[in-house]
């Protein structure tokens, strides 16, 4: 899977009311990046938990 293949899935999640992390940060499209996506009420908490 190429990094740009994740963009369609991220769009679907955001259109459904979810949220995604900053996948495109730090040349994420060219180099790849971690994707964390989920419902708007859970994703920020999960991101904080994973950052620890």
PDB file of N, CA and C in Angstrom:
ATOM      1  N   UNK A   1       0.851  -1.175   0.000  1.00  0.00           N
ATOM      2  CA  UNK A   1       0.000   0.000   0.000  1.00  0.00           C
ATOM      3  C   UNK A   1       0.891   1.231   0.000  1.00  0.00           C
ATOM      4  N   UNK A   2       0.603   2.134  -0.874  1.00  0.00           N
ATOM      5  CA  UNK A   2       1.332   3.398  -0.925  1.00  0.00           C
ATOM      6  C   UNK A   2       0.718   4.384   0.058  1.00  0.00           C
ATOM      7  N   UNK A   3       1.524   5.354   0.468  1.00  0.00           N
ATOM      8  CA  UNK A   3       1.037   6.307   1.467  1.00  0.00           C
ATOM      9  C   UNK A   3      -0.189   7.068   0.981  1.00  0.00           C
ATOM     10  N   UNK A   4      -0.253   7.375  -0.305  1.00  0.00           N
ATOM     11  CA  UNK A   4      -1.408   8.137  -0.813  1.00  0.00           C
ATOM     12  C   UNK A   4      -2.681   7.300  -0.863  1.00  0.00           C
ATOM     13  N   UNK A   5      -2.559   5.994  -0.758  1.00  0.00           N
ATOM     14  CA  UNK A   5      -3.746   5.138  -0.739  1.00  0.00           C
ATOM     15  C   UNK A   5      -4.579   5.344   0.526  1.00  0.00           C
ATOM     16  N   UNK A   6      -3.972   5.862   1.569  1.00  0.00           N
ATOM     17  CA  UNK A   6      -4.683   6.101   2.823  1.00  0.00           C
ATOM     18  C   UNK A   6      -5.612   7.307   2.739  1.00  0.00           C
ATOM     19  N   UNK A   7      -5.383   8.187   1.789  1.00  0.00           N
ATOM     20  CA  UNK A   7      -6.160   9.427   1.716  1.00  0.00           C
ATOM     21  C   UNK A   7      -7.643   9.186   1.484  1.00  0.00           C
ATOM     22  N   UNK A   8      -8.002   8.213   0.661  1.00  0.00           N
ATOM     23  CA  UNK A   8      -9.424   7.940   0.409  1.00  0.00           C
ATOM     24  C   UNK A   8     -10.113   7.480   1.685  1.00  0.00           C
ATOM     25  N   UNK A   9      -9.473   6.606   2.425  1.00  0.00           N
ATOM     26  CA  UNK A   9     -10.043   6.140   3.684  1.00  0.00           C
ATOM     27  C   UNK A   9     -10.167   7.258   4.698  1.00  0.00           C
ATOM     28  N   UNK A  10      -9.165   8.120   4.750  1.00  0.00           N
ATOM     29  CA  UNK A  10      -9.215   9.244   5.677  1.00  0.00           C
ATOM     30  C   UNK A  10     -10.348  10.197   5.307  1.00  0.00           C
ATOM     31  N   UNK A  11     -10.566  10.404   4.019  1.00  0.00           N
ATOM     32  CA  UNK A  11     -11.673  11.261   3.581  1.00  0.00           C
ATOM     33  C   UNK A  11     -13.010  10.663   4.003  1.00  0.00           C
ATOM     34  N   UNK A  12     -13.174   9.374   3.822  1.00  0.00           N
ATOM     35  CA  UNK A  12     -14.424   8.718   4.230  1.00  0.00           C
ATOM     36  C   UNK A  12     -14.663   8.874   5.728  1.00  0.00           C
ATOM     37  N   UNK A  13     -13.626   8.696   6.518  1.00  0.00           N
ATOM     38  CA  UNK A  13     -13.761   8.836   7.973  1.00  0.00           C
ATOM     39  C   UNK A  13     -14.164  10.258   8.339  1.00  0.00           C
ATOM     40  N   UNK A  14     -13.508  11.242   7.740  1.00  0.00           N
ATOM     41  CA  UNK A  14     -13.830  12.635   8.059  1.00  0.00           C
ATOM     42  C   UNK A  14     -15.220  13.030   7.574  1.00  0.00           C
ATOM     43  N   UNK A  15     -15.638  12.541   6.422  1.00  0.00           N
ATOM     44  CA  UNK A  15     -16.983  12.837   5.919  1.00  0.00           C
ATOM     45  C   UNK A  15     -18.058  12.204   6.804  1.00  0.00           C
ATOM     46  N   UNK A  16     -17.723  11.119   7.481  1.00  0.00           N
ATOM     47  CA  UNK A  16     -18.668  10.452   8.372  1.00  0.00           C
ATOM     48  C   UNK A  16     -18.659  11.064   9.774  1.00  0.00           C
ATOM     49  N   UNK A  17     -17.866  12.126   9.980  1.00  0.00           N
ATOM     50  CA  UNK A  17     -17.840  12.797  11.274  1.00  0.00           C
ATOM     51  C   UNK A  17     -16.673  12.407  12.148  1.00  0.00           C
ATOM     52  N   UNK A  18     -15.798  11.568  11.642  1.00  0.00           N
ATOM     53  CA  UNK A  18     -14.619  11.161  12.404  1.00  0.00           C
ATOM     54  C   UNK A  18     -13.496  12.162  12.242  1.00  0.00           C
ATOM     55  N   UNK A  19     -12.369  11.831  12.806  1.00  0.00           N
ATOM     56  CA  UNK A  19     -11.206  12.705  12.722  1.00  0.00           C
ATOM     57  C   UNK A  19      -9.956  11.861  12.518  1.00  0.00           C
ATOM     58  N   UNK A  20      -8.968  12.455  11.892  1.00  0.00           N
ATOM     59  CA  UNK A  20      -7.697  11.782  11.615  1.00  0.00           C
ATOM     60  C   UNK A  20      -6.557  12.667  12.099  1.00  0.00           C
ATOM     61  N   UNK A  21      -5.417  12.049  12.329  1.00  0.00           N
ATOM     62  CA  UNK A  21      -4.249  12.831  12.712  1.00  0.00           C
ATOM     63  C   UNK A  21      -3.682  13.561  11.496  1.00  0.00           C
ATOM     64  N   UNK A  22      -2.603  14.272  11.696  1.00  0.00           N
ATOM     65  CA  UNK A  22      -1.976  15.056  10.625  1.00  0.00           C
ATOM     66  C   UNK A  22      -1.094  14.148   9.770  1.00  0.00           C
ATOM     67  N   UNK A  23      -1.711  13.289   8.986  1.00  0.00           N
ATOM     68  CA  UNK A  23      -0.996  12.308   8.170  1.00  0.00           C
ATOM     69  C   UNK A  23      -0.026  12.962   7.194  1.00  0.00           C
ATOM     70  N   UNK A  24      -0.377  14.099   6.658  1.00  0.00           N
ATOM     71  CA  UNK A  24       0.452  14.743   5.643  1.00  0.00           C
ATOM     72  C   UNK A  24       1.615  15.538   6.222  1.00  0.00           C
ATOM     73  N   UNK A  25       1.695  15.670   7.537  1.00  0.00           N
ATOM     74  CA  UNK A  25       2.785  16.415   8.165  1.00  0.00           C
ATOM     75  C   UNK A  25       4.123  15.732   7.894  1.00  0.00           C
ATOM     76  N   UNK A  26       5.162  16.524   7.816  1.00  0.00           N
ATOM     77  CA  UNK A  26       6.527  16.013   7.632  1.00  0.00           C
ATOM     78  C   UNK A  26       6.657  15.120   6.405  1.00  0.00           C
ATOM     79  N   UNK A  27       6.140  15.574   5.288  1.00  0.00           N
ATOM     80  CA  UNK A  27       6.222  14.839   4.010  1.00  0.00           C
ATOM     81  C   UNK A  27       5.565  13.475   4.096  1.00  0.00           C
ATOM     82  N   UNK A  28       4.475  13.382   4.823  1.00  0.00           N
ATOM     83  CA  UNK A  28       3.779  12.111   5.003  1.00  0.00           C
ATOM     84  C   UNK A  28       3.304  11.472   3.718  1.00  0.00           C
ATOM     85  N   UNK A  29       2.971  12.278   2.738  1.00  0.00           N
ATOM     86  CA  UNK A  29       2.504  11.716   1.471  1.00  0.00           C
ATOM     87  C   UNK A  29       3.640  11.013   0.726  1.00  0.00           C
ATOM     88  N   UNK A  30       4.835  11.561   0.792  1.00  0.00           N
ATOM     89  CA  UNK A  30       5.969  10.952   0.092  1.00  0.00           C
ATOM     90  C   UNK A  30       6.627   9.842   0.894  1.00  0.00           C
ATOM     91  N   UNK A  31       6.752  10.015   2.191  1.00  0.00           N
ATOM     92  CA  UNK A  31       7.486   9.057   3.019  1.00  0.00           C
ATOM     93  C   UNK A  31       6.604   8.101   3.803  1.00  0.00           C
ATOM     94  N   UNK A  32       5.336   8.412   3.888  1.00  0.00           N
ATOM     95  CA  UNK A  32       4.452   7.633   4.750  1.00  0.00           C
ATOM     96  C   UNK A  32       4.435   8.237   6.145  1.00  0.00           C
ATOM     97  N   UNK A  33       3.440   7.902   6.897  1.00  0.00           N
ATOM     98  CA  UNK A  33       3.276   8.449   8.239  1.00  0.00           C
ATOM     99  C   UNK A  33       2.279   7.565   8.969  1.00  0.00           C
ATOM    100  N   UNK A  34       2.261   7.648  10.259  1.00  0.00           N
ATOM    101  CA  UNK A  34       1.282   6.890  11.029  1.00  0.00           C
ATOM    102  C   UNK A  34      -0.104   7.491  10.834  1.00  0.00           C
ATOM    103  N   UNK A  35      -1.111   6.642  10.823  1.00  0.00           N
ATOM    104  CA  UNK A  35      -2.490   7.102  10.701  1.00  0.00           C
ATOM    105  C   UNK A  35      -3.232   6.704  11.960  1.00  0.00           C
ATOM    106  N   UNK A  36      -3.856   7.672  12.579  1.00  0.00           N
ATOM    107  CA  UNK A  36      -4.723   7.418  13.721  1.00  0.00           C
ATOM    108  C   UNK A  36      -6.051   8.078  13.400  1.00  0.00           C
ATOM    109  N   UNK A  37      -7.071   7.283  13.245  1.00  0.00           N
ATOM    110  CA  UNK A  37      -8.378   7.801  12.859  1.00  0.00           C
ATOM    111  C   UNK A  37      -9.452   7.152  13.710  1.00  0.00           C
ATOM    112  N   UNK A  38     -10.513   7.890  13.950  1.00  0.00           N
ATOM    113  CA  UNK A  38     -11.618   7.338  14.718  1.00  0.00           C
ATOM    114  C   UNK A  38     -12.700   8.374  14.918  1.00  0.00           C
ATOM    115  N   UNK A  39     -13.658   8.030  15.747  1.00  0.00           N
ATOM    116  CA  UNK A  39     -14.742   8.978  16.006  1.00  0.00           C
ATOM    117  C   UNK A  39     -14.183  10.178  16.773  1.00  0.00           C
ATOM    118  N   UNK A  40     -14.818  11.309  16.601  1.00  0.00           N
ATOM    119  CA  UNK A  40     -14.305  12.566  17.138  1.00  0.00           C
ATOM    120  C   UNK A  40     -14.172  12.557  18.655  1.00  0.00           C
ATOM    121  N   UNK A  41     -14.963  11.767  19.357  1.00  0.00           N
ATOM    122  CA  UNK A  41     -14.884  11.756  20.820  1.00  0.00           C
ATOM    123  C   UNK A  41     -13.788  10.836  21.347  1.00  0.00           C
ATOM    124  N   UNK A  42     -13.337   9.896  20.555  1.00  0.00           N
ATOM    125  CA  UNK A  42     -12.348   8.918  21.027  1.00  0.00           C
ATOM    126  C   UNK A  42     -10.945   9.194  20.487  1.00  0.00           C
ATOM    127  N   UNK A  43     -10.825   9.656  19.266  1.00  0.00           N
ATOM    128  CA  UNK A  43      -9.526   9.797  18.621  1.00  0.00           C
ATOM    129  C   UNK A  43      -8.553  10.679  19.399  1.00  0.00           C
ATOM    130  N   UNK A  44      -8.945  11.852  19.913  1.00  0.00           N
ATOM    131  CA  UNK A  44      -7.984  12.659  20.675  1.00  0.00           C
ATOM    132  C   UNK A  44      -7.503  11.962  21.950  1.00  0.00           C
ATOM    133  N   UNK A  45      -8.385  11.251  22.620  1.00  0.00           N
ATOM    134  CA  UNK A  45      -7.984  10.529  23.838  1.00  0.00           C
ATOM    135  C   UNK A  45      -7.021   9.400  23.504  1.00  0.00           C
ATOM    136  N   UNK A  46      -7.290   8.701  22.419  1.00  0.00           N
ATOM    137  CA  UNK A  46      -6.416   7.615  21.996  1.00  0.00           C
ATOM    138  C   UNK A  46      -5.052   8.162  21.584  1.00  0.00           C
ATOM    139  N   UNK A  47      -5.029   9.296  20.911  1.00  0.00           N
ATOM    140  CA  UNK A  47      -3.764   9.922  20.517  1.00  0.00           C
ATOM    141  C   UNK A  47      -2.945  10.290  21.748  1.00  0.00           C
ATOM    142  N   UNK A  48      -3.597  10.839  22.765  1.00  0.00           N
ATOM    143  CA  UNK A  48      -2.892  11.196  23.996  1.00  0.00           C
ATOM    144  C   UNK A  48      -2.356   9.959  24.698  1.00  0.00           C
ATOM    145  N   UNK A  49      -3.123   8.895  24.704  1.00  0.00           N
ATOM    146  CA  UNK A  49      -2.693   7.652  25.337  1.00  0.00           C
ATOM    147  C   UNK A  49      -1.496   7.054  24.604  1.00  0.00           C
ATOM    148  N   UNK A  50      -1.525   7.062  23.289  1.00  0.00           N
ATOM    149  CA  UNK A  50      -0.427   6.499  22.503  1.00  0.00           C
ATOM    150  C   UNK A  50       0.829   7.358  22.566  1.00  0.00           C
ATOM    151  N   UNK A  51       0.679   8.650  22.851  1.00  0.00           N
ATOM    152  CA  UNK A  51       1.835   9.538  22.944  1.00  0.00           C
ATOM    153  C   UNK A  51       2.654   9.293  24.203  1.00  0.00           C
ATOM    154  N   UNK A  52       2.060   8.645  25.181  1.00  0.00           N
ATOM    155  CA  UNK A  52       2.766   8.392  26.450  1.00  0.00           C
ATOM    156  C   UNK A  52       3.802   7.323  26.304  1.00  0.00           C
TER     157      UNK A  52
END
